[in-house]
Amino acid sequence: MKKQYSTEFKKKVALEALKERKTLQEIATEHEVAASQVTRWKDELIEGAGTIFERGTSKEAKQIKVLEVEKSNLHGKIGELSVQVDFLKKKLNQLE
C-alpha cells in the first residue's frame, strides 16, 4: 500500500530541500522517504510557486464565479418582476 503524506509534510521537506543546507539523501533519510520523492516534491514546489503571485487565488476565483451566477439570477428575477409589473399595470388600466 502506498504511503500518504500530508501537504504540510511535503511542503516542509520540499522547503528544506530548497534551502540546500543538507543533501537530498540526508533529508530523505531524516524524513524516511526516498531521495527521488524529495526531488519530486521540490520540483513541484518550484513549479507551483508562480501561482502564488498570480492575480487572485483559486478561492477568490470560485467566489467571483458564485457572485456572477447570483448576479445573473438576480437580473433574471428583476426581468421577471418587471414583466409582472407591466402586466398588472395594463390590467389595472383596463379596470379603470
Protein backbone atom coordinates (compact mmCIF):
# COMPACT_ATOMS: atom_id res chain seq x y z
CA MET A 1 0.00 0.00 0.00
CA LYS A 2 1.30 3.43 -0.96
CA LYS A 3 2.04 5.70 1.98
CA GLN A 4 0.16 9.01 2.00
CA TYR A 5 1.91 12.18 3.15
CA SER A 6 0.20 15.34 4.30
CA THR A 7 0.55 18.55 2.34
CA GLU A 8 2.28 20.17 5.31
CA PHE A 9 4.84 17.35 5.47
CA LYS A 10 5.56 17.60 1.73
CA LYS A 11 5.92 21.38 2.00
CA LYS A 12 8.29 21.08 4.95
CA VAL A 13 10.52 18.55 3.17
CA ALA A 14 10.48 20.46 -0.14
CA LEU A 15 11.39 23.75 1.56
CA GLU A 16 14.22 22.04 3.38
CA ALA A 17 15.50 20.71 0.05
CA LEU A 18 15.29 24.19 -1.48
CA LYS A 19 17.49 25.60 1.27
CA GLU A 20 20.26 23.19 0.16
CA ARG A 21 21.79 23.07 3.65
CA LYS A 22 21.71 19.27 3.54
CA THR A 23 21.99 16.80 0.70
CA LEU A 24 18.82 15.30 -0.73
CA GLN A 25 19.90 11.94 0.69
CA GLU A 26 20.31 13.41 4.19
CA ILE A 27 16.84 14.99 4.00
CA ALA A 28 15.34 11.76 2.68
CA THR A 29 16.92 9.68 5.43
CA GLU A 30 15.88 12.14 8.12
CA HIS A 31 12.24 12.10 6.97
CA GLU A 32 12.19 8.41 5.98
CA VAL A 33 11.31 8.98 2.33
CA ALA A 34 13.12 8.22 -0.92
CA ALA A 35 15.51 10.85 -2.26
CA SER A 36 13.62 10.75 -5.56
CA GLN A 37 10.46 11.67 -3.65
CA VAL A 38 12.20 14.67 -2.07
CA THR A 39 13.33 15.75 -5.55
CA ARG A 40 9.79 15.37 -6.91
CA TRP A 41 8.28 17.45 -4.09
CA LYS A 42 10.98 20.10 -4.52
CA ASP A 43 10.28 20.29 -8.27
CA GLU A 44 6.52 20.50 -7.66
CA LEU A 45 7.05 23.34 -5.18
CA ILE A 46 9.21 25.27 -7.65
CA GLU A 47 6.76 24.63 -10.49
CA GLY A 48 3.75 25.74 -8.44
CA ALA A 49 5.41 28.77 -6.86
CA GLY A 50 4.38 31.05 -9.71
CA THR A 51 0.72 30.62 -8.94
CA ILE A 52 1.21 32.36 -5.61
CA PHE A 53 1.85 35.63 -7.41
CA GLU A 54 -0.91 35.31 -9.98
CA ARG A 55 -3.81 37.70 -9.62
CA GLY A 56 -6.44 36.21 -7.35
CA THR A 57 -6.44 32.84 -5.72
CA SER A 58 -8.49 29.88 -6.76
CA LYS A 59 -10.68 30.51 -3.72
CA GLU A 60 -11.24 34.09 -4.85
CA ALA A 61 -11.93 32.91 -8.41
CA LYS A 62 -14.58 30.50 -7.11
CA GLN A 63 -16.18 33.27 -5.07
CA ILE A 64 -16.25 35.53 -8.12
CA LYS A 65 -17.95 32.81 -10.16
CA VAL A 66 -20.55 32.30 -7.44
CA LEU A 67 -21.21 36.04 -7.32
CA GLU A 68 -21.54 36.18 -11.11
CA VAL A 69 -24.10 33.36 -11.04
CA GLU A 70 -26.02 35.11 -8.25
CA LYS A 71 -25.91 38.37 -10.21
CA SER A 72 -27.23 36.61 -13.30
CA ASN A 73 -30.03 35.01 -11.28
CA LEU A 74 -30.96 38.37 -9.78
CA HIS A 75 -31.06 40.00 -13.21
CA GLY A 76 -33.37 37.23 -14.34
CA LYS A 77 -35.62 37.78 -11.34
CA ILE A 78 -35.66 41.55 -11.98
CA GLY A 79 -36.72 40.89 -15.56
CA GLU A 80 -39.47 38.51 -14.42
CA LEU A 81 -40.78 41.01 -11.88
CA SER A 82 -40.69 43.82 -14.45
CA VAL A 83 -42.87 41.76 -16.79
CA GLN A 84 -45.30 41.09 -13.94
CA VAL A 85 -45.46 44.79 -13.02
CA ASP A 86 -46.12 45.75 -16.65
CA PHE A 87 -48.86 43.11 -16.89
CA LEU A 88 -50.50 44.28 -13.68
CA LYS A 89 -50.35 47.94 -14.80
CA LYS A 90 -52.13 47.01 -18.04
CA LYS A 91 -54.78 45.08 -16.14
CA LEU A 92 -55.27 47.96 -13.73
CA ASN A 93 -55.64 50.42 -16.61
CA GLN A 94 -58.25 48.13 -18.20
CA LEU A 95 -60.29 48.12 -14.97
CA GLU A 96 -60.36 51.90 -14.70
